[in-house]
Protein backbone atom coordinates (compact mmCIF):
# COMPACT_ATOMS: atom_id res chain seq x y z
CA MET A 1 1.34 4.46 29.96
CA PRO A 2 4.52 5.88 28.35
CA TYR A 3 2.42 8.82 27.15
CA LEU A 4 1.19 9.49 30.67
CA ALA A 5 4.76 9.48 32.01
CA ALA A 6 5.86 11.85 29.25
CA ALA A 7 2.92 14.17 29.92
CA LEU A 8 3.68 14.19 33.64
CA GLY A 9 7.31 15.01 32.86
CA VAL A 10 6.25 18.00 30.76
CA VAL A 11 3.88 19.20 33.50
CA ALA A 12 6.65 18.91 36.10
CA ALA A 13 9.08 20.82 33.87
CA LEU A 14 6.55 23.58 33.28
CA ALA A 15 5.67 23.80 36.97
CA SER A 16 9.34 24.34 37.85
CA GLN A 17 9.55 27.45 35.67
CA GLN A 18 9.25 30.95 37.09
CA PRO A 19 5.60 32.07 36.86
CA PRO A 20 4.91 35.03 34.57
CA ARG A 21 5.09 38.43 36.26
CA ALA A 22 2.98 40.05 33.57
CA PRO A 23 0.14 38.68 31.48
CA PHE A 24 0.86 37.82 27.86
CA VAL A 25 -0.75 40.57 25.80
CA VAL A 26 0.19 40.83 22.14
CA THR A 27 1.71 44.11 20.98
CA PRO A 28 -0.01 45.16 17.73
CA LEU A 29 2.35 45.23 14.75
CA ASP A 30 1.94 48.97 14.17
CA VAL A 31 2.98 49.55 17.80
CA VAL A 32 5.98 47.24 17.30
CA ASP A 33 7.00 49.31 14.26
CA ARG A 34 6.65 52.54 16.22
CA MET A 35 8.70 51.15 19.16
CA LEU A 36 11.54 50.14 16.84
CA ALA A 37 11.43 53.48 14.99
CA LEU A 38 11.44 55.40 18.30
CA ALA A 39 14.55 53.47 19.34
CA SER A 40 16.15 54.21 15.94
CA VAL A 41 16.95 50.52 15.45
CA GLY A 42 19.51 49.77 12.75
CA PRO A 43 21.55 46.85 11.43
CA ARG A 44 24.26 47.23 14.10
CA ASP A 45 21.80 46.94 16.98
CA VAL A 46 21.21 44.06 19.34
CA VAL A 47 17.58 44.27 20.45
CA TYR A 48 16.54 42.52 23.67
CA ASP A 49 12.82 42.07 24.31
CA LEU A 50 12.20 41.22 27.95
CA GLY A 51 8.91 39.36 28.14
CA CYS A 52 9.07 38.60 24.42
CA GLY A 53 5.88 36.55 24.15
CA ASP A 54 5.57 35.36 20.55
CA GLY A 55 8.84 37.07 19.54
CA ARG A 56 7.30 39.66 17.24
CA ILE A 57 9.49 42.59 18.33
CA VAL A 58 12.88 40.94 17.79
CA ILE A 59 11.59 39.25 14.63
CA ALA A 60 10.47 42.63 13.23
CA ALA A 61 13.82 44.18 14.20
CA ALA A 62 15.61 41.45 12.26
CA GLN A 63 13.27 41.57 9.24
CA LYS A 64 13.02 45.33 8.83
CA TYR A 65 16.38 46.55 10.09
CA GLY A 66 18.75 43.58 9.92
CA ALA A 67 19.30 43.85 13.67
CA ARG A 68 20.15 40.90 15.86
CA GLY A 69 17.64 40.08 18.55
CA VAL A 70 17.26 38.22 21.81
CA GLY A 71 13.82 37.43 23.21
CA VAL A 72 13.46 36.49 26.87
CA ASP A 73 10.39 34.93 28.45
CA VAL A 74 9.58 32.66 31.40
CA ASP A 75 6.85 30.77 29.54
CA PRO A 76 8.15 27.77 27.58
CA ALA A 77 5.08 27.84 25.32
CA ARG A 78 5.86 31.44 24.32
CA ILE A 79 9.52 30.60 23.65
CA TYR A 80 8.50 27.67 21.44
CA GLU A 81 6.02 29.91 19.60
CA ALA A 82 8.66 32.63 19.15
CA GLU A 83 11.17 30.13 17.74
CA MET A 84 8.58 28.83 15.27
CA ASN A 85 7.67 32.40 14.27
CA ALA A 86 11.34 33.25 13.68
CA ARG A 87 11.76 30.16 11.55
CA ARG A 88 8.65 31.03 9.49
CA ALA A 89 9.94 34.59 9.06
CA GLY A 90 13.35 33.31 7.94
CA VAL A 91 15.29 35.23 10.61
CA GLU A 92 16.35 32.40 12.92
CA ARG A 93 20.01 33.18 12.17
CA LEU A 94 19.53 36.70 13.57
CA VAL A 95 17.40 36.00 16.65
CA THR A 96 17.59 33.75 19.68
CA PHE A 97 15.17 33.12 22.49
CA LYS A 98 15.92 32.39 26.13
CA LEU A 99 13.66 30.69 28.65
CA GLN A 100 14.70 32.95 31.50
CA ASP A 101 13.52 35.41 34.12
CA ALA A 102 13.94 38.99 32.86
CA LEU A 103 15.33 39.99 36.27
CA LYS A 104 18.14 37.45 35.86
CA THR A 105 19.00 38.23 32.26
CA ASP A 106 22.34 39.75 31.34
CA VAL A 107 21.50 42.58 28.90
CA SER A 108 25.01 44.05 28.77
CA ASP A 109 25.38 43.42 25.02
CA ALA A 110 22.01 45.04 24.22
CA THR A 111 21.90 48.33 22.37
CA VAL A 112 18.09 48.42 22.57
CA VAL A 113 15.81 46.93 25.23
CA THR A 114 12.08 46.75 24.63
CA LEU A 115 9.49 46.19 27.35
CA TYR A 116 5.76 45.60 27.57
CA LEU A 117 5.70 44.72 31.23
CA LEU A 118 3.84 46.09 34.22
CA SER A 119 5.21 49.19 35.97
CA ALA A 120 6.24 47.25 39.08
CA LEU A 121 8.45 44.93 37.01
CA ASN A 122 9.86 47.88 35.04
CA VAL A 123 10.85 49.49 38.34
CA GLN A 124 12.57 46.25 39.41
CA LEU A 125 14.42 46.13 36.06
CA ARG A 126 15.60 49.72 36.25
CA PRO A 127 18.70 49.14 38.43
CA ILE A 128 19.69 46.15 36.28
CA LEU A 129 19.36 48.19 33.09
CA THR A 130 21.18 51.21 34.50
CA ARG A 131 24.02 49.01 35.74
CA GLN A 132 24.42 46.83 32.64
CA LEU A 133 23.66 49.01 29.61
CA ARG A 134 26.43 50.95 27.91
CA PRO A 135 26.14 54.64 26.96
CA GLY A 136 23.99 55.06 23.88
CA ALA A 137 21.72 52.08 24.59
CA ARG A 138 18.01 52.79 24.30
CA ILE A 139 15.08 51.46 26.34
CA VAL A 140 11.55 51.59 24.94
CA SER A 141 8.56 50.64 27.07
CA HIS A 142 5.02 50.20 25.76
CA SER A 143 2.37 51.59 28.13
CA PHE A 144 4.31 51.46 31.39
CA ALA A 145 6.84 53.93 32.83
CA MET A 146 9.65 53.24 35.31
CA GLY A 147 8.58 55.01 38.44
CA ASP A 148 10.16 58.46 38.79
CA TRP A 149 12.73 57.88 36.01
CA GLU A 150 11.98 60.64 33.52
CA PRO A 151 11.92 59.42 29.93
CA GLU A 152 13.59 61.43 27.17
CA VAL A 153 10.54 60.97 24.94
CA VAL A 154 6.90 60.17 25.64
CA ASP A 155 5.03 59.27 22.45
CA THR A 156 1.24 59.06 22.76
CA PHE A 157 -0.72 58.07 19.67
CA ARG A 158 -3.75 56.12 18.45
CA SER A 159 -2.83 52.67 17.14
CA ALA A 160 -4.50 50.94 14.19
CA ASP A 161 -6.93 49.21 16.56
CA GLY A 162 -8.17 52.63 17.72
CA LEU A 163 -6.64 52.49 21.20
CA SER A 164 -4.56 55.24 22.74
CA ARG A 165 -0.98 54.02 23.24
CA THR A 166 1.99 55.52 25.05
CA LEU A 167 5.63 54.68 24.43
CA TYR A 168 8.48 55.77 26.70
CA LEU A 169 12.10 56.16 25.58
CA TRP A 170 15.16 56.37 27.81
CA LYS A 171 18.79 56.57 26.63
CA ALA A 172 21.73 55.25 28.60
CA ASP A 173 24.25 58.00 29.22
CA GLY A 174 26.74 56.27 31.51
CA LYS A 175 25.54 58.40 34.44
CA MET A 176 22.17 56.75 35.02
CA ARG A 177 21.41 55.87 38.60
CA PRO A 178 19.00 53.20 39.82
C-alpha cells in the first residue's frame, strides 16, 4: 500500500505540471553544434534553452565552449534526464535545469537563447525575449521562425541524418519591438 500512495503522489504531481506546448523531438548533435556556432557561443555566455528536453544544447555549450547554461522544460521526466546527462558529462557545475513554463521564465541574464519549439510558441515568446534580453544577446531557433520578425541569418543545410534543416538567428539590439 505505501507504494501505491507514493505512485499516486507522483501522478498527482505530474498532472499538476503545465502540459508541453511542443512535442519532445531530439535535436541531432550536429545541429546542436551548428546552432551554438551560429550564435558564436563562448566561455562568457549564458545559454538558455527553452524547451530543453534532455539538456543536450546547454550541456554541449558547457562542454565545448565553457559556457554556463540553463535548461527550461515543463516535463519533469525531461528535467530529470537532463540533470543525469549533465552529471554524466561532468558539467553539472556549469548548467542548471528548471521545471518551468518557457513563457514564465526570466531570461534577462541570457546572452544566448536557443529554441526548438513550434512557431506559435516562438511568436508568444517574442515579446518576452525582446523585453528581457540585453543588446548583443542572440536567439537561435531550429526549424521555426518568429512570425514576421526578420532574422539576421537563415542557415539552411543538410544534417548528418540527411534531412534539410533551417536555423534562424536574431540579435538583440536594444531597439527590438514585440
